[in-house]
Amino acid sequence: MSLKETLRVMVVDDMSVSRALISQSLDEIGIKNYATESDSRAALGKLAANPVHLVISDMNMPGLSGLDLLAALRQNRTTQRIGFILITGSPTPDVLRLGQELGLNNLVRKPFTSVTLKSSIERVVGKL
């Protein structure tokens, strides 16, 4: 089986349109084993119960931001090694610095394409 077929991904974004765009890109890339979650706190609970290989998360969400979600994942032994890609329209120096401190694996700037998302994923998990 190829990495595309075995890779488990969770997409976390409070905006349905953004979730759909990320999901569409994953479909175009050939990644089929993904789940979506609109609430970052709910995602945290699901990930603790059933970890995935990679989380693709929006930055700005109510409750836990993308960086808050990353911090919570890194503090839990079960989820601390999950790959994490942050998607944001405004990667400020503070976001980049904090992301690096928390162990962010990669960042994708909005708007993105399937090609840029695939490249970002491959930098985290290897060639798809």
N, C-alpha and C. Protein backbone atom coordinates (compact mmCIF):
# COMPACT_ATOMS: atom_id res chain seq x y z
N MET A 1 0.84 -1.20 0.00
CA MET A 1 0.00 0.00 0.00
C MET A 1 0.87 1.25 0.00
N SER A 2 0.43 2.24 -0.71
CA SER A 2 1.19 3.49 -0.77
C SER A 2 0.89 4.36 0.44
N LEU A 3 1.76 5.33 0.65
CA LEU A 3 1.56 6.26 1.76
C LEU A 3 0.22 6.99 1.62
N LYS A 4 -0.15 7.34 0.38
CA LYS A 4 -1.44 8.01 0.15
C LYS A 4 -2.61 7.19 0.69
N GLU A 5 -2.49 5.87 0.58
CA GLU A 5 -3.59 4.99 0.98
C GLU A 5 -3.62 4.73 2.48
N THR A 6 -2.47 4.86 3.14
CA THR A 6 -2.43 4.53 4.56
C THR A 6 -2.40 5.76 5.47
N LEU A 7 -2.06 6.91 4.92
CA LEU A 7 -1.95 8.14 5.72
C LEU A 7 -3.32 8.53 6.28
N ARG A 8 -3.37 8.73 7.60
CA ARG A 8 -4.59 9.17 8.27
C ARG A 8 -4.44 10.64 8.64
N VAL A 9 -5.40 11.46 8.21
CA VAL A 9 -5.34 12.91 8.37
C VAL A 9 -6.62 13.41 9.03
N MET A 10 -6.47 14.44 9.88
CA MET A 10 -7.64 15.15 10.39
C MET A 10 -7.52 16.61 9.98
N VAL A 11 -8.58 17.12 9.38
CA VAL A 11 -8.68 18.53 8.99
C VAL A 11 -9.52 19.23 10.04
N VAL A 12 -8.97 20.31 10.61
CA VAL A 12 -9.69 21.05 11.66
C VAL A 12 -9.83 22.50 11.21
N ASP A 13 -11.06 22.92 10.98
CA ASP A 13 -11.33 24.29 10.56
C ASP A 13 -12.78 24.60 10.90
N ASP A 14 -13.02 25.75 11.50
CA ASP A 14 -14.38 26.11 11.91
C ASP A 14 -15.24 26.57 10.73
N MET A 15 -14.63 26.87 9.61
CA MET A 15 -15.37 27.35 8.43
C MET A 15 -15.63 26.19 7.46
N SER A 16 -16.90 25.95 7.15
CA SER A 16 -17.24 24.81 6.28
C SER A 16 -16.63 24.94 4.89
N VAL A 17 -16.57 26.15 4.36
CA VAL A 17 -15.98 26.34 3.03
C VAL A 17 -14.50 25.99 3.04
N SER A 18 -13.79 26.40 4.08
CA SER A 18 -12.37 26.07 4.19
C SER A 18 -12.16 24.57 4.33
N ARG A 19 -12.97 23.92 5.16
CA ARG A 19 -12.87 22.46 5.30
C ARG A 19 -13.09 21.79 3.96
N ALA A 20 -14.07 22.28 3.21
CA ALA A 20 -14.37 21.69 1.90
C ALA A 20 -13.21 21.89 0.93
N LEU A 21 -12.58 23.06 0.95
CA LEU A 21 -11.45 23.32 0.05
C LEU A 21 -10.26 22.42 0.39
N ILE A 22 -9.99 22.25 1.67
CA ILE A 22 -8.89 21.36 2.08
C ILE A 22 -9.23 19.92 1.71
N SER A 23 -10.45 19.50 1.96
CA SER A 23 -10.89 18.14 1.62
C SER A 23 -10.78 17.90 0.12
N GLN A 24 -11.20 18.89 -0.67
CA GLN A 24 -11.11 18.76 -2.12
C GLN A 24 -9.65 18.61 -2.56
N SER A 25 -8.76 19.37 -1.95
CA SER A 25 -7.33 19.25 -2.27
C SER A 25 -6.80 17.87 -1.90
N LEU A 26 -7.20 17.36 -0.73
CA LEU A 26 -6.77 16.02 -0.32
C LEU A 26 -7.26 14.97 -1.31
N ASP A 27 -8.50 15.11 -1.77
CA ASP A 27 -9.04 14.19 -2.78
C ASP A 27 -8.21 14.26 -4.07
N GLU A 28 -7.88 15.48 -4.50
CA GLU A 28 -7.09 15.66 -5.72
C GLU A 28 -5.69 15.05 -5.58
N ILE A 29 -5.12 15.15 -4.38
CA ILE A 29 -3.80 14.59 -4.11
C ILE A 29 -3.87 13.06 -4.09
N GLY A 30 -5.03 12.52 -3.74
CA GLY A 30 -5.20 11.08 -3.66
C GLY A 30 -5.24 10.55 -2.24
N ILE A 31 -5.34 11.46 -1.27
CA ILE A 31 -5.45 11.06 0.14
C ILE A 31 -6.94 10.91 0.44
N LYS A 32 -7.33 9.69 0.79
CA LYS A 32 -8.75 9.41 1.01
C LYS A 32 -9.11 9.19 2.47
N ASN A 33 -8.12 8.88 3.29
CA ASN A 33 -8.38 8.51 4.69
C ASN A 33 -8.25 9.75 5.58
N TYR A 34 -9.27 10.61 5.50
CA TYR A 34 -9.25 11.82 6.33
C TYR A 34 -10.61 12.06 6.95
N ALA A 35 -10.57 12.75 8.07
CA ALA A 35 -11.79 13.16 8.76
C ALA A 35 -11.74 14.68 8.90
N THR A 36 -12.89 15.29 9.04
CA THR A 36 -12.94 16.74 9.25
C THR A 36 -13.62 17.03 10.58
N GLU A 37 -13.22 18.12 11.17
CA GLU A 37 -13.81 18.54 12.45
C GLU A 37 -13.90 20.06 12.44
N SER A 38 -15.06 20.58 12.86
CA SER A 38 -15.27 22.03 12.88
C SER A 38 -14.89 22.66 14.21
N ASP A 39 -14.77 21.85 15.26
CA ASP A 39 -14.51 22.36 16.59
C ASP A 39 -13.16 21.84 17.09
N SER A 40 -12.26 22.75 17.40
CA SER A 40 -10.90 22.33 17.78
C SER A 40 -10.88 21.56 19.10
N ARG A 41 -11.77 21.89 20.03
CA ARG A 41 -11.82 21.13 21.29
C ARG A 41 -12.30 19.69 21.05
N ALA A 42 -13.31 19.55 20.20
CA ALA A 42 -13.80 18.21 19.85
C ALA A 42 -12.70 17.43 19.13
N ALA A 43 -11.97 18.12 18.24
CA ALA A 43 -10.87 17.47 17.52
C ALA A 43 -9.83 16.95 18.50
N LEU A 44 -9.51 17.74 19.50
CA LEU A 44 -8.52 17.33 20.50
C LEU A 44 -8.94 16.03 21.19
N GLY A 45 -10.19 15.94 21.57
CA GLY A 45 -10.70 14.72 22.20
C GLY A 45 -10.64 13.52 21.27
N LYS A 46 -11.03 13.73 20.02
CA LYS A 46 -11.01 12.63 19.04
C LYS A 46 -9.58 12.18 18.76
N LEU A 47 -8.66 13.13 18.68
CA LEU A 47 -7.26 12.78 18.41
C LEU A 47 -6.62 12.03 19.58
N ALA A 48 -7.00 12.40 20.80
CA ALA A 48 -6.47 11.70 21.97
C ALA A 48 -6.97 10.26 22.00
N ALA A 49 -8.21 10.05 21.57
CA ALA A 49 -8.80 8.71 21.57
C ALA A 49 -8.34 7.88 20.37
N ASN A 50 -8.08 8.55 19.24
CA ASN A 50 -7.72 7.84 18.02
C ASN A 50 -6.75 8.71 17.21
N PRO A 51 -5.46 8.68 17.53
CA PRO A 51 -4.49 9.55 16.86
C PRO A 51 -4.39 9.28 15.36
N VAL A 52 -4.08 10.32 14.62
CA VAL A 52 -3.85 10.23 13.18
C VAL A 52 -2.37 10.49 12.92
N HIS A 53 -1.97 10.43 11.66
CA HIS A 53 -0.58 10.73 11.31
C HIS A 53 -0.34 12.24 11.17
N LEU A 54 -1.39 12.96 10.73
CA LEU A 54 -1.22 14.36 10.38
C LEU A 54 -2.49 15.15 10.66
N VAL A 55 -2.31 16.34 11.25
CA VAL A 55 -3.41 17.29 11.44
C VAL A 55 -3.13 18.49 10.54
N ILE A 56 -4.15 18.90 9.81
CA ILE A 56 -4.10 20.14 9.03
C ILE A 56 -5.13 21.06 9.66
N SER A 57 -4.66 22.15 10.26
CA SER A 57 -5.54 23.00 11.06
C SER A 57 -5.47 24.46 10.65
N ASP A 58 -6.62 25.10 10.69
CA ASP A 58 -6.69 26.54 10.52
C ASP A 58 -6.08 27.20 11.75
N MET A 59 -5.62 28.42 11.60
CA MET A 59 -5.05 29.16 12.72
C MET A 59 -6.15 29.78 13.58
N ASN A 60 -7.03 30.56 12.96
CA ASN A 60 -8.01 31.35 13.71
C ASN A 60 -9.33 30.60 13.84
N MET A 61 -9.56 30.09 15.05
CA MET A 61 -10.80 29.39 15.35
C MET A 61 -11.25 29.78 16.75
N PRO A 62 -12.57 29.75 17.00
CA PRO A 62 -13.04 30.03 18.36
C PRO A 62 -12.62 28.89 19.30
N GLY A 63 -12.52 29.20 20.57
CA GLY A 63 -12.08 28.19 21.54
C GLY A 63 -10.58 28.05 21.48
N LEU A 64 -10.13 26.96 20.90
CA LEU A 64 -8.68 26.74 20.73
C LEU A 64 -8.27 27.18 19.33
N SER A 65 -7.29 28.06 19.25
CA SER A 65 -6.74 28.42 17.94
C SER A 65 -5.92 27.24 17.43
N GLY A 66 -5.46 27.32 16.20
CA GLY A 66 -4.60 26.27 15.66
C GLY A 66 -3.36 26.06 16.51
N LEU A 67 -2.75 27.15 16.98
CA LEU A 67 -1.56 27.01 17.82
C LEU A 67 -1.91 26.46 19.20
N ASP A 68 -3.08 26.81 19.73
CA ASP A 68 -3.53 26.23 21.00
C ASP A 68 -3.73 24.72 20.86
N LEU A 69 -4.32 24.32 19.73
CA LEU A 69 -4.52 22.89 19.46
C LEU A 69 -3.17 22.19 19.37
N LEU A 70 -2.22 22.79 18.67
CA LEU A 70 -0.88 22.21 18.55
C LEU A 70 -0.24 22.05 19.93
N ALA A 71 -0.33 23.09 20.76
CA ALA A 71 0.25 23.03 22.11
C ALA A 71 -0.38 21.89 22.92
N ALA A 72 -1.70 21.76 22.83
CA ALA A 72 -2.39 20.70 23.58
C ALA A 72 -1.97 19.32 23.07
N LEU A 73 -1.82 19.17 21.76
CA LEU A 73 -1.39 17.88 21.21
C LEU A 73 0.02 17.53 21.67
N ARG A 74 0.89 18.52 21.71
CA ARG A 74 2.29 18.27 22.09
C ARG A 74 2.43 17.94 23.58
N GLN A 75 1.45 18.30 24.39
CA GLN A 75 1.51 18.03 25.83
C GLN A 75 0.98 16.65 26.19
N ASN A 76 0.35 15.97 25.23
CA ASN A 76 -0.25 14.66 25.49
C ASN A 76 0.65 13.58 24.88
N ARG A 77 1.04 12.62 25.69
CA ARG A 77 1.95 11.56 25.22
C ARG A 77 1.39 10.82 24.00
N THR A 78 0.08 10.63 23.96
CA THR A 78 -0.56 9.90 22.87
C THR A 78 -0.52 10.66 21.55
N THR A 79 -0.54 12.00 21.62
CA THR A 79 -0.66 12.81 20.40
C THR A 79 0.58 13.66 20.10
N GLN A 80 1.59 13.60 20.94
CA GLN A 80 2.70 14.54 20.81
C GLN A 80 3.51 14.39 19.52
N ARG A 81 3.43 13.22 18.86
CA ARG A 81 4.23 13.00 17.66
C ARG A 81 3.42 13.15 16.36
N ILE A 82 2.17 13.57 16.48
CA ILE A 82 1.34 13.79 15.28
C ILE A 82 1.92 14.95 14.49
N GLY A 83 2.05 14.75 13.16
CA GLY A 83 2.49 15.84 12.30
C GLY A 83 1.43 16.94 12.29
N PHE A 84 1.88 18.19 12.19
CA PHE A 84 0.93 19.31 12.29
C PHE A 84 1.27 20.37 11.25
N ILE A 85 0.28 20.67 10.40
CA ILE A 85 0.41 21.74 9.41
C ILE A 85 -0.63 22.80 9.74
N LEU A 86 -0.17 24.02 9.88
CA LEU A 86 -1.05 25.15 10.18
C LEU A 86 -1.36 25.88 8.89
N ILE A 87 -2.62 26.24 8.70
CA ILE A 87 -3.04 27.03 7.54
C ILE A 87 -3.48 28.39 8.03
N THR A 88 -2.91 29.44 7.45
CA THR A 88 -3.26 30.80 7.87
C THR A 88 -3.10 31.77 6.71
N GLY A 89 -3.90 32.80 6.74
CA GLY A 89 -3.79 33.85 5.74
C GLY A 89 -2.77 34.90 6.12
N SER A 90 -2.39 34.93 7.39
CA SER A 90 -1.45 35.94 7.86
C SER A 90 -0.41 35.34 8.81
N PRO A 91 0.62 34.72 8.24
CA PRO A 91 1.67 34.12 9.09
C PRO A 91 2.60 35.20 9.64
N THR A 92 2.20 35.81 10.75
CA THR A 92 3.00 36.87 11.36
C THR A 92 4.28 36.28 11.97
N PRO A 93 5.28 37.11 12.20
CA PRO A 93 6.50 36.61 12.85
C PRO A 93 6.20 35.94 14.20
N ASP A 94 5.24 36.47 14.96
CA ASP A 94 4.89 35.86 16.25
C ASP A 94 4.29 34.47 16.06
N VAL A 95 3.43 34.31 15.06
CA VAL A 95 2.84 33.00 14.78
C VAL A 95 3.93 32.01 14.39
N LEU A 96 4.85 32.45 13.53
CA LEU A 96 5.95 31.58 13.10
C LEU A 96 6.84 31.19 14.27
N ARG A 97 7.16 32.15 15.11
CA ARG A 97 8.04 31.89 16.26
C ARG A 97 7.39 30.92 17.22
N LEU A 98 6.14 31.21 17.59
CA LEU A 98 5.43 30.35 18.53
C LEU A 98 5.24 28.95 17.93
N GLY A 99 4.91 28.90 16.66
CA GLY A 99 4.75 27.61 15.98
C GLY A 99 6.02 26.78 16.07
N GLN A 100 7.16 27.40 15.82
CA GLN A 100 8.44 26.70 15.90
C GLN A 100 8.69 26.21 17.33
N GLU A 101 8.40 27.05 18.30
CA GLU A 101 8.60 26.67 19.70
C GLU A 101 7.73 25.47 20.09
N LEU A 102 6.54 25.39 19.51
CA LEU A 102 5.59 24.32 19.85
C LEU A 102 5.82 23.04 19.04
N GLY A 103 6.69 23.12 18.04
CA GLY A 103 6.96 21.94 17.23
C GLY A 103 6.08 21.84 15.99
N LEU A 104 5.70 22.99 15.43
CA LEU A 104 4.94 23.02 14.18
C LEU A 104 5.78 22.37 13.08
N ASN A 105 5.18 21.49 12.29
CA ASN A 105 5.92 20.81 11.24
C ASN A 105 5.95 21.59 9.93
N ASN A 106 4.89 22.34 9.64
CA ASN A 106 4.86 23.13 8.42
C ASN A 106 3.71 24.12 8.48
N LEU A 107 3.77 25.08 7.56
CA LEU A 107 2.75 26.13 7.50
C LEU A 107 2.37 26.34 6.04
N VAL A 108 1.08 26.50 5.79
CA VAL A 108 0.58 26.78 4.45
C VAL A 108 -0.14 28.12 4.51
N ARG A 109 0.20 28.98 3.57
CA ARG A 109 -0.42 30.30 3.52
C ARG A 109 -1.66 30.26 2.62
N LYS A 110 -2.74 30.86 3.10
CA LYS A 110 -3.95 31.01 2.29
C LYS A 110 -3.75 32.17 1.33
N PRO A 111 -4.29 32.13 0.14
CA PRO A 111 -4.93 30.97 -0.48
C PRO A 111 -3.87 29.94 -0.91
N PHE A 112 -4.26 28.69 -0.95
CA PHE A 112 -3.32 27.62 -1.31
C PHE A 112 -3.90 26.83 -2.48
N THR A 113 -3.06 26.02 -3.09
CA THR A 113 -3.50 25.12 -4.16
C THR A 113 -3.24 23.68 -3.71
N SER A 114 -3.78 22.74 -4.44
CA SER A 114 -3.52 21.33 -4.15
C SER A 114 -2.03 21.03 -4.25
N VAL A 115 -1.35 21.69 -5.18
CA VAL A 115 0.09 21.47 -5.37
C VAL A 115 0.87 21.96 -4.15
N THR A 116 0.54 23.15 -3.65
CA THR A 116 1.28 23.66 -2.49
C THR A 116 0.94 22.85 -1.24
N LEU A 117 -0.32 22.40 -1.11
CA LEU A 117 -0.68 21.58 0.04
C LEU A 117 0.05 20.23 -0.01
N LYS A 118 0.11 19.62 -1.19
CA LYS A 118 0.81 18.35 -1.35
C LYS A 118 2.28 18.51 -0.98
N SER A 119 2.89 19.57 -1.45
CA SER A 119 4.30 19.82 -1.15
C SER A 119 4.51 19.96 0.36
N SER A 120 3.63 20.67 1.00
CA SER A 120 3.71 20.87 2.45
C SER A 120 3.55 19.54 3.19
N ILE A 121 2.59 18.72 2.76
CA ILE A 121 2.36 17.42 3.38
C ILE A 121 3.61 16.54 3.20
N GLU A 122 4.17 16.55 2.00
CA GLU A 122 5.34 15.70 1.73
C GLU A 122 6.54 16.11 2.56
N ARG A 123 6.66 17.39 2.90
CA ARG A 123 7.76 17.83 3.75
C ARG A 123 7.61 17.30 5.18
N VAL A 124 6.40 16.90 5.54
CA VAL A 124 6.16 16.37 6.88
C VAL A 124 6.20 14.85 6.90
N VAL A 125 5.56 14.19 5.94
CA VAL A 125 5.41 12.73 6.01
C VAL A 125 6.25 11.97 4.99
N GLY A 126 6.81 12.66 4.01
CA GLY A 126 7.58 11.98 2.97
C GLY A 126 6.81 11.96 1.65
N LYS A 127 7.45 11.45 0.62
CA LYS A 127 6.91 11.44 -0.74
C LYS A 127 5.61 10.65 -0.81
N LEU A 128 4.60 11.28 -1.40
CA LEU A 128 3.29 10.62 -1.57
C LEU A 128 3.23 9.90 -2.91
